[in-house]
Every structure is written in structure tokens, then in C-alpha cells.
């Protein structure tokens, strides 16, 4: 399958025209060989992931996060140089869909909304109005549960969906939850928008200290990695159906690990 054909399929869900002005989505590393036999999907183009992909015979690696937000010379003996060397030496493509994927409310970025059964979804922070070809684009989403839940019941349900029963929380705890907002990744700056749209709970990752201190509603930091790793896992499944070549997902490990200190 041609690399250009694969990119066309990816960009049906993550069109480059939707990315933020500061972003670097798109082709990160091109290859002279246009024929692709194996697509790999991962959250980050880390050294470990690129090594694993190349060992599995991947010649087109698709990630969410770009290799570098700003172009720079490979003038240091670091992972950036090693990754470039491995990709170029192995004639592998690297493509990133970062905010181009984040802003599509009909794409895998809304996997948590589907898992929680949210209805009447709207975009949290619109970036482009709806057209005849696509819905309103933007970051995050807010929707309603099928029925209100006591906060403890909602938290237990969320834990089951996420596969973890603990997270960081800030802001006033509601008695019941009906409207839920979410922005995968680092979305704490959208807390006020979530409150204004009537959300009882706002789920995101990477909540900073002052954002937590000033939280206008219940904010749950369930982890940047967890939300986006699952998003890419689901996108890999979608691409496995849409592409005419094998598609493999390469799971990663959350870089923020809980550490038990020896007593």
C-alpha cells in the first residue's frame, strides 16, 4: 500500500487543516520507498517504541505526539539523533496526528464519552464551525449521562472504564453527576468553559497546582498517558479495518510511575 494512501486514510479522521497553529502534525520523517507493508501505531515516537516497531518490520510508524515540536539540527548524541538514524537507516516513515486528531469530536479522542455512554455531546472549546463535510471542530467535549448518578457511583463507574481506581482530584465535589466534560491530555485550562457549559465533573490530565487551587468544579486528573494511550489503541483498531496492510499497536509505559519508598 502506498504511503500517500495511508496518510489519506489517517487524515480522513485527523485532517491537517484542523491542527493548532503551534502544532507540528503531519509527516515527521519521509522515506524514499513509497510502498508500505506494515503500519505501526503508538502514542509517542520514543526510542523504545521505534526500536520495537523496526524489529517487528514496521515501515510506517504513526504516532499521536510529534517527534519534535520545533525543527532542529540533529547535532547532539541524544535520543532524537538515534531515532532519526534508526528511521532513516531502516527506510521508515514517521507520521504524527497530534491536535489534528484532538479536534475531531467524531474520532477516537471521544472514546471516554462512548465508554461512559454520554449523550448530547458538544465541543468544549470550538476551533472551527461545522460545515456540510464535518462537524464543529475543537478541543474537549461535554455530554450527559443517561441518568444522574451519585458522585461515588459515578467515580466507581469511571474507575471501571479507566481500569484504575485512583486519581488526583480538586475542586468542589458534587452530590450527583449528570453532565461530564473531558479534555484528554493537558486540558486544565478549559475548566472554566466546562463549568460554564454546566459540567458537574471535568476529566483531564496534567492538572497544574494553580489550576487545581482555583478549580471552579470537580476536576479529575486521571493521567495524560492513560487517556491518550487508549485513544491511539482504538485508532489502531480502526485503521486495521480501513487499511490494506497489517496494523500493529505498540503499547507504552506511563512515564509517571507511582514509587513506593522503602521504610
C-alpha atoms as a PDB file:
ATOM      1  CA  UNK A   1       0.000   0.000   0.000  1.00  0.00           C
ATOM      2  CA  UNK A   2       1.336   3.441  -0.854  1.00  0.00           C
ATOM      3  CA  UNK A   3       2.336   5.768   1.985  1.00  0.00           C
ATOM      4  CA  UNK A   4       0.241   8.501   0.402  1.00  0.00           C
ATOM      5  CA  UNK A   5      -2.812   6.233   0.569  1.00  0.00           C
ATOM      6  CA  UNK A   6      -2.209   5.522   4.254  1.00  0.00           C
ATOM      7  CA  UNK A   7      -1.833   9.221   5.007  1.00  0.00           C
ATOM      8  CA  UNK A   8      -5.079   9.922   3.167  1.00  0.00           C
ATOM      9  CA  UNK A   9      -6.913   7.410   5.385  1.00  0.00           C
ATOM     10  CA  UNK A  10      -5.397   8.877   8.581  1.00  0.00           C
ATOM     11  CA  UNK A  11      -6.313  12.385   7.523  1.00  0.00           C
ATOM     12  CA  UNK A  12      -9.952  11.451   6.998  1.00  0.00           C
ATOM     13  CA  UNK A  13     -10.099  11.282  10.803  1.00  0.00           C
ATOM     14  CA  UNK A  14      -7.302  13.747  11.561  1.00  0.00           C
ATOM     15  CA  UNK A  15      -7.208  16.397   8.792  1.00  0.00           C
ATOM     16  CA  UNK A  16      -4.112  18.579   8.976  1.00  0.00           C
ATOM     17  CA  UNK A  17      -6.180  21.717   8.403  1.00  0.00           C
ATOM     18  CA  UNK A  18      -7.643  21.297  11.877  1.00  0.00           C
ATOM     19  CA  UNK A  19      -4.384  21.342  13.825  1.00  0.00           C
ATOM     20  CA  UNK A  20      -3.467  24.205  16.125  1.00  0.00           C
ATOM     21  CA  UNK A  21      -1.163  26.916  14.679  1.00  0.00           C
ATOM     22  CA  UNK A  22       1.648  25.963  17.053  1.00  0.00           C
ATOM     23  CA  UNK A  23       1.476  22.237  16.270  1.00  0.00           C
ATOM     24  CA  UNK A  24       3.704  20.027  14.117  1.00  0.00           C
ATOM     25  CA  UNK A  25       1.378  17.287  12.880  1.00  0.00           C
ATOM     26  CA  UNK A  26       1.990  15.549   9.568  1.00  0.00           C
ATOM     27  CA  UNK A  27       4.981  13.746   8.071  1.00  0.00           C
ATOM     28  CA  UNK A  28       7.877  13.797  10.531  1.00  0.00           C
ATOM     29  CA  UNK A  29      10.288  11.620   8.554  1.00  0.00           C
ATOM     30  CA  UNK A  30       9.769  10.618   4.918  1.00  0.00           C
ATOM     31  CA  UNK A  31      11.182   7.537   3.251  1.00  0.00           C
ATOM     32  CA  UNK A  32      12.367   7.133  -0.330  1.00  0.00           C
ATOM     33  CA  UNK A  33      10.397   3.890  -0.613  1.00  0.00           C
ATOM     34  CA  UNK A  34       6.688   4.671  -1.024  1.00  0.00           C
ATOM     35  CA  UNK A  35       5.461   1.072  -0.738  1.00  0.00           C
ATOM     36  CA  UNK A  36       4.411   0.243   2.851  1.00  0.00           C
ATOM     37  CA  UNK A  37       3.971  -3.312   4.106  1.00  0.00           C
ATOM     38  CA  UNK A  38       3.349  -2.861   7.855  1.00  0.00           C
ATOM     39  CA  UNK A  39       1.900   0.074   9.817  1.00  0.00           C
ATOM     40  CA  UNK A  40       2.716   0.628  13.486  1.00  0.00           C
ATOM     41  CA  UNK A  41       0.643   2.832  15.811  1.00  0.00           C
ATOM     42  CA  UNK A  42       1.811   4.275  19.125  1.00  0.00           C
ATOM     43  CA  UNK A  43       1.366   7.251  21.417  1.00  0.00           C
ATOM     44  CA  UNK A  44       4.956   8.532  21.254  1.00  0.00           C
ATOM     45  CA  UNK A  45       7.849   8.085  18.808  1.00  0.00           C
ATOM     46  CA  UNK A  46      10.146   7.185  21.696  1.00  0.00           C
ATOM     47  CA  UNK A  47      13.431   5.367  21.232  1.00  0.00           C
ATOM     48  CA  UNK A  48      11.977   2.179  22.744  1.00  0.00           C
ATOM     49  CA  UNK A  49       8.868   2.318  20.538  1.00  0.00           C
ATOM     50  CA  UNK A  50      10.805   2.977  17.333  1.00  0.00           C
ATOM     51  CA  UNK A  51      13.158   0.106  18.161  1.00  0.00           C
ATOM     52  CA  UNK A  52      10.224  -2.250  18.770  1.00  0.00           C
ATOM     53  CA  UNK A  53       8.479  -1.144  15.594  1.00  0.00           C
ATOM     54  CA  UNK A  54      11.552  -1.603  13.429  1.00  0.00           C
ATOM     55  CA  UNK A  55      12.179  -5.044  14.964  1.00  0.00           C
ATOM     56  CA  UNK A  56       8.617  -6.011  14.003  1.00  0.00           C
ATOM     57  CA  UNK A  57       9.148  -4.938  10.395  1.00  0.00           C
ATOM     58  CA  UNK A  58       7.133  -1.714  10.565  1.00  0.00           C
ATOM     59  CA  UNK A  59       7.938   0.666   7.721  1.00  0.00           C
ATOM     60  CA  UNK A  60       5.295   3.301   8.531  1.00  0.00           C
ATOM     61  CA  UNK A  61       5.054   4.403  12.170  1.00  0.00           C
ATOM     62  CA  UNK A  62       2.048   6.539  13.093  1.00  0.00           C
ATOM     63  CA  UNK A  63       2.064   8.340  16.454  1.00  0.00           C
ATOM     64  CA  UNK A  64      -0.014  10.929  18.261  1.00  0.00           C
ATOM     65  CA  UNK A  65       2.820  13.061  19.612  1.00  0.00           C
ATOM     66  CA  UNK A  66       5.315  14.545  17.122  1.00  0.00           C
ATOM     67  CA  UNK A  67       8.999  13.685  17.162  1.00  0.00           C
ATOM     68  CA  UNK A  68       9.774  17.337  17.905  1.00  0.00           C
ATOM     69  CA  UNK A  69       7.523  20.379  18.221  1.00  0.00           C
ATOM     70  CA  UNK A  70      10.235  22.565  16.704  1.00  0.00           C
ATOM     71  CA  UNK A  71      12.602  21.518  13.903  1.00  0.00           C
ATOM     72  CA  UNK A  72      16.219  21.349  14.995  1.00  0.00           C
ATOM     73  CA  UNK A  73      19.531  20.031  13.790  1.00  0.00           C
ATOM     74  CA  UNK A  74      20.469  16.522  14.967  1.00  0.00           C
ATOM     75  CA  UNK A  75      23.657  17.954  16.418  1.00  0.00           C
ATOM     76  CA  UNK A  76      23.672  16.128  19.743  1.00  0.00           C
ATOM     77  CA  UNK A  77      24.203  12.456  20.561  1.00  0.00           C
ATOM     78  CA  UNK A  78      20.749  12.041  22.125  1.00  0.00           C
ATOM     79  CA  UNK A  79      17.561  10.037  21.516  1.00  0.00           C
ATOM     80  CA  UNK A  80      16.443  12.490  18.834  1.00  0.00           C
ATOM     81  CA  UNK A  81      19.545  11.649  16.780  1.00  0.00           C
ATOM     82  CA  UNK A  82      19.248   7.926  17.493  1.00  0.00           C
ATOM     83  CA  UNK A  83      15.583   7.849  16.461  1.00  0.00           C
ATOM     84  CA  UNK A  84      16.288   9.729  13.235  1.00  0.00           C
ATOM     85  CA  UNK A  85      19.194   7.408  12.451  1.00  0.00           C
ATOM     86  CA  UNK A  86      17.076   4.301  13.010  1.00  0.00           C
ATOM     87  CA  UNK A  87      14.182   5.579  10.886  1.00  0.00           C
ATOM     88  CA  UNK A  88      16.355   6.831   8.054  1.00  0.00           C
ATOM     89  CA  UNK A  89      18.545   3.752   8.101  1.00  0.00           C
ATOM     90  CA  UNK A  90      15.526   1.497   8.003  1.00  0.00           C
ATOM     91  CA  UNK A  91      13.704   3.486   5.311  1.00  0.00           C
ATOM     92  CA  UNK A  92      10.723   4.032   7.618  1.00  0.00           C
ATOM     93  CA  UNK A  93       8.062   6.713   7.530  1.00  0.00           C
ATOM     94  CA  UNK A  94       7.043   8.583  10.686  1.00  0.00           C
ATOM     95  CA  UNK A  95       3.746  10.438  10.727  1.00  0.00           C
ATOM     96  CA  UNK A  96       2.105  12.315  13.612  1.00  0.00           C
ATOM     97  CA  UNK A  97      -1.520  13.335  14.163  1.00  0.00           C
ATOM     98  CA  UNK A  98      -1.459  15.499  17.274  1.00  0.00           C
ATOM     99  CA  UNK A  99      -4.017  18.319  17.558  1.00  0.00           C
ATOM    100  CA  UNK A 100      -5.319  17.338  14.111  1.00  0.00           C
ATOM    101  CA  UNK A 101      -6.728  14.266  15.888  1.00  0.00           C
ATOM    102  CA  UNK A 102      -7.624  16.047  19.131  1.00  0.00           C
ATOM    103  CA  UNK A 103     -10.122  18.405  17.489  1.00  0.00           C
ATOM    104  CA  UNK A 104     -12.307  15.814  15.732  1.00  0.00           C
ATOM    105  CA  UNK A 105     -15.264  15.040  18.042  1.00  0.00           C
ATOM    106  CA  UNK A 106     -16.277  12.117  15.840  1.00  0.00           C
ATOM    107  CA  UNK A 107     -12.858  10.468  16.144  1.00  0.00           C
ATOM    108  CA  UNK A 108     -11.250   8.257  18.813  1.00  0.00           C
ATOM    109  CA  UNK A 109     -10.498  11.285  21.020  1.00  0.00           C
ATOM    110  CA  UNK A 110     -14.060  10.850  22.349  1.00  0.00           C
ATOM    111  CA  UNK A 111     -13.588   7.214  23.370  1.00  0.00           C
ATOM    112  CA  UNK A 112     -14.313   8.007  27.028  1.00  0.00           C
ATOM    113  CA  UNK A 113     -17.638   9.611  26.106  1.00  0.00           C
ATOM    114  CA  UNK A 114     -18.624   6.403  24.343  1.00  0.00           C
ATOM    115  CA  UNK A 115     -17.437   4.238  27.232  1.00  0.00           C
ATOM    116  CA  UNK A 116     -19.454   6.297  29.746  1.00  0.00           C
ATOM    117  CA  UNK A 117     -22.499   6.372  27.497  1.00  0.00           C
ATOM    118  CA  UNK A 118     -22.598  10.169  27.248  1.00  0.00           C
ATOM    119  CA  UNK A 119     -25.255  11.676  25.003  1.00  0.00           C
ATOM    120  CA  UNK A 120     -25.877  15.122  23.509  1.00  0.00           C
ATOM    121  CA  UNK A 121     -22.145  15.682  23.034  1.00  0.00           C
ATOM    122  CA  UNK A 122     -20.865  19.159  22.247  1.00  0.00           C
ATOM    123  CA  UNK A 123     -17.360  20.525  21.782  1.00  0.00           C
ATOM    124  CA  UNK A 124     -15.833  22.162  24.847  1.00  0.00           C
ATOM    125  CA  UNK A 125     -13.661  24.734  23.042  1.00  0.00           C
ATOM    126  CA  UNK A 126     -14.647  25.135  19.360  1.00  0.00           C
ATOM    127  CA  UNK A 127     -11.869  25.990  16.913  1.00  0.00           C
ATOM    128  CA  UNK A 128     -13.792  25.766  13.613  1.00  0.00           C
ATOM    129  CA  UNK A 129     -17.524  25.830  12.855  1.00  0.00           C
ATOM    130  CA  UNK A 130     -19.420  22.935  11.348  1.00  0.00           C
ATOM    131  CA  UNK A 131     -19.590  22.581   7.576  1.00  0.00           C
ATOM    132  CA  UNK A 132     -21.501  20.290   5.239  1.00  0.00           C
ATOM    133  CA  UNK A 133     -18.499  17.915   5.302  1.00  0.00           C
ATOM    134  CA  UNK A 134     -17.629  17.858   9.016  1.00  0.00           C
ATOM    135  CA  UNK A 135     -18.952  18.682  12.496  1.00  0.00           C
ATOM    136  CA  UNK A 136     -17.761  21.552  14.668  1.00  0.00           C
ATOM    137  CA  UNK A 137     -14.071  21.049  15.455  1.00  0.00           C
ATOM    138  CA  UNK A 138     -12.482  21.807  18.784  1.00  0.00           C
ATOM    139  CA  UNK A 139     -10.811  20.598  21.958  1.00  0.00           C
ATOM    140  CA  UNK A 140     -12.606  18.504  24.550  1.00  0.00           C
ATOM    141  CA  UNK A 141     -16.229  17.522  24.864  1.00  0.00           C
ATOM    142  CA  UNK A 142     -19.137  17.714  27.286  1.00  0.00           C
ATOM    143  CA  UNK A 143     -22.159  15.420  27.407  1.00  0.00           C
ATOM    144  CA  UNK A 144     -24.811  13.954  29.660  1.00  0.00           C
ATOM    145  CA  UNK A 145     -25.008  10.613  31.398  1.00  0.00           C
ATOM    146  CA  UNK A 146     -28.147   8.598  30.607  1.00  0.00           C
ATOM    147  CA  UNK A 147     -29.284   9.324  34.177  1.00  0.00           C
ATOM    148  CA  UNK A 148     -27.816  11.257  37.144  1.00  0.00           C
ATOM    149  CA  UNK A 149     -25.512   9.274  39.417  1.00  0.00           C
ATOM    150  CA  UNK A 150     -24.358   9.868  42.963  1.00  0.00           C
ATOM    151  CA  UNK A 151     -20.770  11.049  42.841  1.00  0.00           C
ATOM    152  CA  UNK A 152     -19.416   7.877  44.475  1.00  0.00           C
ATOM    153  CA  UNK A 153     -21.304   5.703  41.981  1.00  0.00           C
ATOM    154  CA  UNK A 154     -20.002   7.773  39.062  1.00  0.00           C
ATOM    155  CA  UNK A 155     -16.432   7.566  40.377  1.00  0.00           C
ATOM    156  CA  UNK A 156     -16.706   3.780  40.658  1.00  0.00           C
ATOM    157  CA  UNK A 157     -18.056   3.553  37.101  1.00  0.00           C
ATOM    158  CA  UNK A 158     -15.253   5.803  35.828  1.00  0.00           C
ATOM    159  CA  UNK A 159     -12.686   3.647  37.598  1.00  0.00           C
ATOM    160  CA  UNK A 160     -14.039   0.542  35.904  1.00  0.00           C
ATOM    161  CA  UNK A 161     -13.824   2.204  32.475  1.00  0.00           C
ATOM    162  CA  UNK A 162     -10.293   3.500  33.074  1.00  0.00           C
ATOM    163  CA  UNK A 163      -9.012   0.331  34.696  1.00  0.00           C
ATOM    164  CA  UNK A 164      -7.755   2.225  37.731  1.00  0.00           C
ATOM    165  CA  UNK A 165      -9.396   3.270  40.978  1.00  0.00           C
ATOM    166  CA  UNK A 166      -7.311   6.274  41.945  1.00  0.00           C
ATOM    167  CA  UNK A 167      -6.518   9.698  40.529  1.00  0.00           C
ATOM    168  CA  UNK A 168      -5.878  13.229  41.683  1.00  0.00           C
ATOM    169  CA  UNK A 169      -8.955  15.352  42.368  1.00  0.00           C
ATOM    170  CA  UNK A 170      -9.538  19.032  43.109  1.00  0.00           C
ATOM    171  CA  UNK A 171     -12.429  21.445  43.351  1.00  0.00           C
ATOM    172  CA  UNK A 172     -15.867  21.061  44.977  1.00  0.00           C
ATOM    173  CA  UNK A 173     -17.283  17.545  44.942  1.00  0.00           C
ATOM    174  CA  UNK A 174     -20.861  17.433  43.615  1.00  0.00           C
ATOM    175  CA  UNK A 175     -23.526  15.301  45.255  1.00  0.00           C
ATOM    176  CA  UNK A 176     -24.649  13.971  41.892  1.00  0.00           C
ATOM    177  CA  UNK A 177     -23.164  13.892  38.389  1.00  0.00           C
ATOM    178  CA  UNK A 178     -25.227  14.406  35.234  1.00  0.00           C
ATOM    179  CA  UNK A 179     -23.023  16.427  32.864  1.00  0.00           C
ATOM    180  CA  UNK A 180     -19.438  15.309  32.286  1.00  0.00           C
ATOM    181  CA  UNK A 181     -16.699  17.236  30.473  1.00  0.00           C
ATOM    182  CA  UNK A 182     -13.373  15.853  29.325  1.00  0.00           C
ATOM    183  CA  UNK A 183     -10.266  17.057  27.533  1.00  0.00           C
ATOM    184  CA  UNK A 184      -7.670  14.296  27.007  1.00  0.00           C
ATOM    185  CA  UNK A 185      -4.074  15.380  27.535  1.00  0.00           C
ATOM    186  CA  UNK A 186      -3.332  18.647  29.329  1.00  0.00           C
ATOM    187  CA  UNK A 187      -6.731  20.314  29.370  1.00  0.00           C
ATOM    188  CA  UNK A 188      -6.948  22.040  32.741  1.00  0.00           C
ATOM    189  CA  UNK A 189      -7.092  25.465  31.050  1.00  0.00           C
ATOM    190  CA  UNK A 190     -10.609  24.561  29.868  1.00  0.00           C
ATOM    191  CA  UNK A 191     -12.040  24.112  33.359  1.00  0.00           C
ATOM    192  CA  UNK A 192     -13.956  27.395  33.261  1.00  0.00           C
ATOM    193  CA  UNK A 193     -15.508  26.505  29.890  1.00  0.00           C
ATOM    194  CA  UNK A 194     -16.569  23.152  31.361  1.00  0.00           C
ATOM    195  CA  UNK A 195     -18.194  24.927  34.301  1.00  0.00           C
ATOM    196  CA  UNK A 196     -19.969  27.422  32.044  1.00  0.00           C
ATOM    197  CA  UNK A 197     -21.400  24.558  29.984  1.00  0.00           C
ATOM    198  CA  UNK A 198     -22.913  23.062  33.111  1.00  0.00           C
ATOM    199  CA  UNK A 199     -20.498  20.185  33.719  1.00  0.00           C
ATOM    200  CA  UNK A 200     -20.504  18.641  37.192  1.00  0.00           C
ATOM    201  CA  UNK A 201     -17.142  16.938  36.640  1.00  0.00           C
ATOM    202  CA  UNK A 202     -14.182  17.723  34.375  1.00  0.00           C
ATOM    203  CA  UNK A 203     -11.820  14.869  33.465  1.00  0.00           C
ATOM    204  CA  UNK A 204      -8.366  15.574  32.062  1.00  0.00           C
ATOM    205  CA  UNK A 205      -4.653  15.046  32.689  1.00  0.00           C
ATOM    206  CA  UNK A 206      -1.698  17.109  33.912  1.00  0.00           C
ATOM    207  CA  UNK A 207      -3.611  19.472  36.208  1.00  0.00           C
ATOM    208  CA  UNK A 208      -1.128  22.047  37.470  1.00  0.00           C
ATOM    209  CA  UNK A 209      -1.029  23.318  41.042  1.00  0.00           C
ATOM    210  CA  UNK A 210      -2.639  26.712  40.488  1.00  0.00           C
ATOM    211  CA  UNK A 211      -5.294  25.246  38.197  1.00  0.00           C
ATOM    212  CA  UNK A 212      -6.180  22.818  40.983  1.00  0.00           C
ATOM    213  CA  UNK A 213      -6.159  25.609  43.547  1.00  0.00           C
ATOM    214  CA  UNK A 214      -8.619  27.665  41.504  1.00  0.00           C
ATOM    215  CA  UNK A 215     -10.750  24.752  40.227  1.00  0.00           C
ATOM    216  CA  UNK A 216     -14.293  26.027  39.528  1.00  0.00           C
ATOM    217  CA  UNK A 217     -15.736  22.488  39.554  1.00  0.00           C
ATOM    218  CA  UNK A 218     -14.681  18.950  40.397  1.00  0.00           C
ATOM    219  CA  UNK A 219     -11.567  18.232  38.335  1.00  0.00           C
ATOM    220  CA  UNK A 220     -10.162  14.731  37.979  1.00  0.00           C
ATOM    221  CA  UNK A 221      -6.593  14.270  36.766  1.00  0.00           C
ATOM    222  CA  UNK A 222      -6.732  10.668  35.574  1.00  0.00           C
ATOM    223  CA  UNK A 223      -3.497  10.902  33.616  1.00  0.00           C
ATOM    224  CA  UNK A 224      -2.364  12.304  30.285  1.00  0.00           C
ATOM    225  CA  UNK A 225      -0.929   8.936  29.303  1.00  0.00           C
ATOM    226  CA  UNK A 226      -3.983   6.847  30.152  1.00  0.00           C
ATOM    227  CA  UNK A 227      -6.449   8.908  28.121  1.00  0.00           C
ATOM    228  CA  UNK A 228      -4.297   9.217  25.021  1.00  0.00           C
ATOM    229  CA  UNK A 229      -2.818   5.704  25.061  1.00  0.00           C
ATOM    230  CA  UNK A 230      -6.331   4.265  24.853  1.00  0.00           C
ATOM    231  CA  UNK A 231      -7.241   6.775  22.136  1.00  0.00           C
ATOM    232  CA  UNK A 232      -4.390   5.510  19.950  1.00  0.00           C
ATOM    233  CA  UNK A 233      -5.175   1.883  20.737  1.00  0.00           C
ATOM    234  CA  UNK A 234      -8.683   2.434  19.399  1.00  0.00           C
ATOM    235  CA  UNK A 235      -7.442   4.330  16.362  1.00  0.00           C
ATOM    236  CA  UNK A 236      -5.132   1.391  15.600  1.00  0.00           C
ATOM    237  CA  UNK A 237      -8.160  -0.914  15.625  1.00  0.00           C
ATOM    238  CA  UNK A 238      -9.972   1.433  13.243  1.00  0.00           C
ATOM    239  CA  UNK A 239      -7.007   1.576  10.882  1.00  0.00           C
ATOM    240  CA  UNK A 240      -6.732  -2.196  10.989  1.00  0.00           C
ATOM    241  CA  UNK A 241     -10.129  -2.316   9.307  1.00  0.00           C
ATOM    242  CA  UNK A 242      -9.538   0.544   6.874  1.00  0.00           C
ATOM    243  CA  UNK A 243      -6.029  -0.235   5.627  1.00  0.00           C
ATOM    244  CA  UNK A 244      -4.968  -2.997   3.247  1.00  0.00           C
ATOM    245  CA  UNK A 245      -1.786  -3.799   5.209  1.00  0.00           C
ATOM    246  CA  UNK A 246      -1.195  -5.212   8.706  1.00  0.00           C
ATOM    247  CA  UNK A 247      -1.547  -2.690  11.562  1.00  0.00           C
ATOM    248  CA  UNK A 248       0.138  -3.251  14.939  1.00  0.00           C
ATOM    249  CA  UNK A 249      -0.312  -1.243  18.130  1.00  0.00           C
ATOM    250  CA  UNK A 250       2.804  -0.721  20.250  1.00  0.00           C
ATOM    251  CA  UNK A 251       1.824  -0.076  23.878  1.00  0.00           C
ATOM    252  CA  UNK A 252       3.999   2.102  26.063  1.00  0.00           C
ATOM    253  CA  UNK A 253       4.523   2.546  29.793  1.00  0.00           C
ATOM    254  CA  UNK A 254       3.260   5.589  31.655  1.00  0.00           C
ATOM    255  CA  UNK A 255       6.365   7.735  32.311  1.00  0.00           C
ATOM    256  CA  UNK A 256       4.783   8.912  35.590  1.00  0.00           C
ATOM    257  CA  UNK A 257       5.001   5.878  37.839  1.00  0.00           C
ATOM    258  CA  UNK A 258       4.000   5.604  41.477  1.00  0.00           C
ATOM    259  CA  UNK A 259       7.035   4.791  43.569  1.00  0.00           C
ATOM    260  CA  UNK A 260       6.982   3.064  46.924  1.00  0.00           C
ATOM    261  CA  UNK A 261       9.660   4.489  49.183  1.00  0.00           C
ATOM    262  CA  UNK A 262      11.486   1.916  51.292  1.00  0.00           C
ATOM    263  CA  UNK A 263      10.704   2.243  55.002  1.00  0.00           C
END
